[in-house]
Amino acid sequence: QVQLEEFGGGLVQAGNSLRLSCAASGDTFSIYVMGWFRQAPGKEREFVGAIGCSGAYTHYSDSMEGRFTISRDNAKNTVYLQMNTLKPKDTAVYFCAADRGFCTVTHTERLYNYWGQGTQVTVSS
């Protein structure tokens, strides 16, 4: 199994950028599809995007409007979420998650086996 820990959350003004990191330990990182999800206050957790095992393929929720980019460095056991042009509606707890499947990128939350504890991102107007 794999343990996940997110870093990089905080308070940022609207229009600015922020990069989240998620460090993995405990297993071979490159066999996991990595996803990012977020949960705003009073709302259900939603899919942000995901990246395949090698990093060659990514998939994003349309609601991210092309402002977010996911990348990974398998040598560092880390996945990143670059968030640009942040808006107050992006305020949420952001979670990384790992899918020990067949390296098929998915947006389906229940297929992710392991989750980090989340990191708070607050965007002020």
C-alpha atoms as a PDB file:
ATOM      1  CA  GLN A   1       0.000   0.000   0.000  1.00  0.00           C
ATOM      2  CA  VAL A   2       0.976   3.621  -0.339  1.00  0.00           C
ATOM      3  CA  GLN A   3       0.849   6.565   2.056  1.00  0.00           C
ATOM      4  CA  LEU A   4       0.101  10.019   0.695  1.00  0.00           C
ATOM      5  CA  GLU A   5       0.714  13.483   2.091  1.00  0.00           C
ATOM      6  CA  GLU A   6      -0.224  16.774   0.475  1.00  0.00           C
ATOM      7  CA  PHE A   7       1.744  19.992   0.766  1.00  0.00           C
ATOM      8  CA  GLY A   8       1.438  23.516  -0.492  1.00  0.00           C
ATOM      9  CA  GLY A   9      -2.007  24.669   0.514  1.00  0.00           C
ATOM     10  CA  GLY A  10      -2.656  28.094   1.938  1.00  0.00           C
ATOM     11  CA  LEU A  11      -4.285  31.452   1.434  1.00  0.00           C
ATOM     12  CA  VAL A  12      -3.923  33.125  -1.938  1.00  0.00           C
ATOM     13  CA  GLN A  13      -5.551  36.084  -3.656  1.00  0.00           C
ATOM     14  CA  ALA A  14      -7.807  35.568  -6.631  1.00  0.00           C
ATOM     15  CA  GLY A  15      -5.925  35.579  -9.908  1.00  0.00           C
ATOM     16  CA  ASN A  16      -2.763  34.135  -8.430  1.00  0.00           C
ATOM     17  CA  SER A  17      -1.295  30.660  -8.715  1.00  0.00           C
ATOM     18  CA  LEU A  18      -0.514  27.876  -6.309  1.00  0.00           C
ATOM     19  CA  ARG A  19       1.191  24.510  -6.687  1.00  0.00           C
ATOM     20  CA  LEU A  20       0.252  21.575  -4.525  1.00  0.00           C
ATOM     21  CA  SER A  21       2.476  18.572  -4.034  1.00  0.00           C
ATOM     22  CA  CYS A  22       1.612  15.078  -2.936  1.00  0.00           C
ATOM     23  CA  ALA A  23       4.410  12.855  -1.682  1.00  0.00           C
ATOM     24  CA  ALA A  24       3.958   9.102  -1.735  1.00  0.00           C
ATOM     25  CA  SER A  25       5.736   6.467   0.280  1.00  0.00           C
ATOM     26  CA  GLY A  26       5.483   2.790   1.002  1.00  0.00           C
ATOM     27  CA  ASP A  27       5.105   1.269  -2.439  1.00  0.00           C
ATOM     28  CA  THR A  28       6.256   1.598  -6.026  1.00  0.00           C
ATOM     29  CA  PHE A  29       4.851   4.973  -6.995  1.00  0.00           C
ATOM     30  CA  SER A  30       4.933   4.436 -10.745  1.00  0.00           C
ATOM     31  CA  ILE A  31       2.286   1.696 -10.654  1.00  0.00           C
ATOM     32  CA  TYR A  32      -0.396   4.057  -9.400  1.00  0.00           C
ATOM     33  CA  VAL A  33      -2.681   6.384 -11.267  1.00  0.00           C
ATOM     34  CA  MET A  34      -2.728   9.582  -9.227  1.00  0.00           C
ATOM     35  CA  GLY A  35      -5.767  11.775  -8.890  1.00  0.00           C
ATOM     36  CA  TRP A  36      -6.634  15.095  -7.330  1.00  0.00           C
ATOM     37  CA  PHE A  37     -10.012  15.788  -5.782  1.00  0.00           C
ATOM     38  CA  ARG A  38     -11.389  18.686  -3.807  1.00  0.00           C
ATOM     39  CA  GLN A  39     -14.168  19.312  -1.356  1.00  0.00           C
ATOM     40  CA  ALA A  40     -15.621  22.741  -0.756  1.00  0.00           C
ATOM     41  CA  PRO A  41     -17.544  23.570   2.429  1.00  0.00           C
ATOM     42  CA  GLY A  42     -20.992  22.033   2.356  1.00  0.00           C
ATOM     43  CA  LYS A  43     -20.375  20.256  -0.939  1.00  0.00           C
ATOM     44  CA  GLU A  44     -19.498  16.765  -2.048  1.00  0.00           C
ATOM     45  CA  ARG A  45     -15.978  15.894  -3.004  1.00  0.00           C
ATOM     46  CA  GLU A  46     -15.363  16.393  -6.730  1.00  0.00           C
ATOM     47  CA  PHE A  47     -12.826  15.208  -9.246  1.00  0.00           C
ATOM     48  CA  VAL A  48     -10.181  17.710 -10.308  1.00  0.00           C
ATOM     49  CA  GLY A  49      -7.945  15.631 -12.557  1.00  0.00           C
ATOM     50  CA  ALA A  50      -5.741  12.587 -12.791  1.00  0.00           C
ATOM     51  CA  ILE A  51      -2.503  11.449 -14.356  1.00  0.00           C
ATOM     52  CA  GLY A  52      -1.483   8.063 -15.653  1.00  0.00           C
ATOM     53  CA  CYS A  53       1.280   5.903 -14.285  1.00  0.00           C
ATOM     54  CA  SER A  54       3.970   7.193 -16.621  1.00  0.00           C
ATOM     55  CA  GLY A  55       2.730  10.758 -16.672  1.00  0.00           C
ATOM     56  CA  ALA A  56       2.042  10.669 -20.385  1.00  0.00           C
ATOM     57  CA  TYR A  57      -1.709  10.984 -20.066  1.00  0.00           C
ATOM     58  CA  THR A  58      -3.824  13.387 -18.041  1.00  0.00           C
ATOM     59  CA  HIS A  59      -7.541  13.928 -17.699  1.00  0.00           C
ATOM     60  CA  TYR A  60      -9.279  16.903 -16.134  1.00  0.00           C
ATOM     61  CA  SER A  61     -12.730  17.852 -15.046  1.00  0.00           C
ATOM     62  CA  ASP A  62     -14.259  20.350 -17.449  1.00  0.00           C
ATOM     63  CA  SER A  63     -15.160  22.532 -14.512  1.00  0.00           C
ATOM     64  CA  MET A  64     -11.469  23.320 -13.973  1.00  0.00           C
ATOM     65  CA  GLU A  65     -11.695  25.396 -17.165  1.00  0.00           C
ATOM     66  CA  GLY A  66      -8.173  24.502 -18.263  1.00  0.00           C
ATOM     67  CA  ARG A  67      -6.579  26.377 -15.393  1.00  0.00           C
ATOM     68  CA  PHE A  68      -5.103  23.350 -13.628  1.00  0.00           C
ATOM     69  CA  THR A  69      -2.217  21.092 -14.661  1.00  0.00           C
ATOM     70  CA  ILE A  70      -1.180  17.806 -13.116  1.00  0.00           C
ATOM     71  CA  SER A  71       2.309  16.398 -13.431  1.00  0.00           C
ATOM     72  CA  ARG A  72       4.326  13.760 -11.675  1.00  0.00           C
ATOM     73  CA  ASP A  73       7.935  12.920 -10.984  1.00  0.00           C
ATOM     74  CA  ASN A  74       8.214   9.187 -10.450  1.00  0.00           C
ATOM     75  CA  ALA A  75      11.838   9.498  -9.370  1.00  0.00           C
ATOM     76  CA  LYS A  76      10.681  11.711  -6.496  1.00  0.00           C
ATOM     77  CA  ASN A  77       7.467   9.803  -5.783  1.00  0.00           C
ATOM     78  CA  THR A  78       5.558  13.048  -6.100  1.00  0.00           C
ATOM     79  CA  VAL A  79       2.566  14.317  -8.010  1.00  0.00           C
ATOM     80  CA  TYR A  80       1.828  18.008  -8.490  1.00  0.00           C
ATOM     81  CA  LEU A  81      -1.222  20.140  -9.078  1.00  0.00           C
ATOM     82  CA  GLN A  82      -0.458  23.509 -10.621  1.00  0.00           C
ATOM     83  CA  MET A  83      -3.405  25.851 -10.197  1.00  0.00           C
ATOM     84  CA  ASN A  84      -3.469  29.104 -12.144  1.00  0.00           C
ATOM     85  CA  THR A  85      -5.840  32.054 -12.187  1.00  0.00           C
ATOM     86  CA  LEU A  86      -7.384  30.935  -8.952  1.00  0.00           C
ATOM     87  CA  LYS A  87     -10.907  32.002  -8.098  1.00  0.00           C
ATOM     88  CA  PRO A  88     -12.787  32.131  -4.798  1.00  0.00           C
ATOM     89  CA  LYS A  89     -14.838  29.140  -5.978  1.00  0.00           C
ATOM     90  CA  ASP A  90     -11.617  27.092  -5.933  1.00  0.00           C
ATOM     91  CA  THR A  91     -11.594  27.340  -2.155  1.00  0.00           C
ATOM     92  CA  ALA A  92     -11.649  23.762  -0.876  1.00  0.00           C
ATOM     93  CA  VAL A  93      -9.702  21.013   0.783  1.00  0.00           C
ATOM     94  CA  TYR A  94      -7.630  19.339  -1.895  1.00  0.00           C
ATOM     95  CA  PHE A  95      -6.886  15.642  -1.714  1.00  0.00           C
ATOM     96  CA  CYS A  96      -4.540  13.454  -3.677  1.00  0.00           C
ATOM     97  CA  ALA A  97      -5.452   9.840  -4.212  1.00  0.00           C
ATOM     98  CA  ALA A  98      -3.848   6.719  -5.658  1.00  0.00           C
ATOM     99  CA  ASP A  99      -5.481   4.076  -7.818  1.00  0.00           C
ATOM    100  CA  ARG A 100      -3.773   0.695  -7.805  1.00  0.00           C
ATOM    101  CA  GLY A 101      -5.464  -0.516 -10.924  1.00  0.00           C
ATOM    102  CA  PHE A 102      -4.255  -1.048 -14.458  1.00  0.00           C
ATOM    103  CA  CYS A 103      -2.848   2.425 -15.094  1.00  0.00           C
ATOM    104  CA  THR A 104      -6.113   3.548 -16.628  1.00  0.00           C
ATOM    105  CA  VAL A 105      -6.877   7.133 -15.700  1.00  0.00           C
ATOM    106  CA  THR A 106     -10.279   7.497 -14.076  1.00  0.00           C
ATOM    107  CA  HIS A 107     -12.412  10.184 -12.502  1.00  0.00           C
ATOM    108  CA  THR A 108     -14.335   7.636 -10.433  1.00  0.00           C
ATOM    109  CA  GLU A 109     -13.681   8.341  -6.778  1.00  0.00           C
ATOM    110  CA  ARG A 110     -14.483   4.851  -5.498  1.00  0.00           C
ATOM    111  CA  LEU A 111     -11.690   3.363  -7.632  1.00  0.00           C
ATOM    112  CA  TYR A 112      -9.013   5.231  -5.735  1.00  0.00           C
ATOM    113  CA  ASN A 113      -7.640   3.017  -3.002  1.00  0.00           C
ATOM    114  CA  TYR A 114      -5.528   5.434  -0.988  1.00  0.00           C
ATOM    115  CA  TRP A 115      -6.036   9.027   0.060  1.00  0.00           C
ATOM    116  CA  GLY A 116      -4.052  11.804   1.644  1.00  0.00           C
ATOM    117  CA  GLN A 117      -5.371  13.829   4.546  1.00  0.00           C
ATOM    118  CA  GLY A 118      -5.992  16.879   2.392  1.00  0.00           C
ATOM    119  CA  THR A 119      -4.642  20.396   2.315  1.00  0.00           C
ATOM    120  CA  GLN A 120      -6.715  23.574   2.576  1.00  0.00           C
ATOM    121  CA  VAL A 121      -6.665  26.089  -0.241  1.00  0.00           C
ATOM    122  CA  THR A 122      -8.407  29.380   0.374  1.00  0.00           C
ATOM    123  CA  VAL A 123      -8.775  31.941  -2.382  1.00  0.00           C
ATOM    124  CA  SER A 124      -9.686  35.435  -1.310  1.00  0.00           C
ATOM    125  CA  SER A 125     -11.444  37.913  -3.570  1.00  0.00           C
END
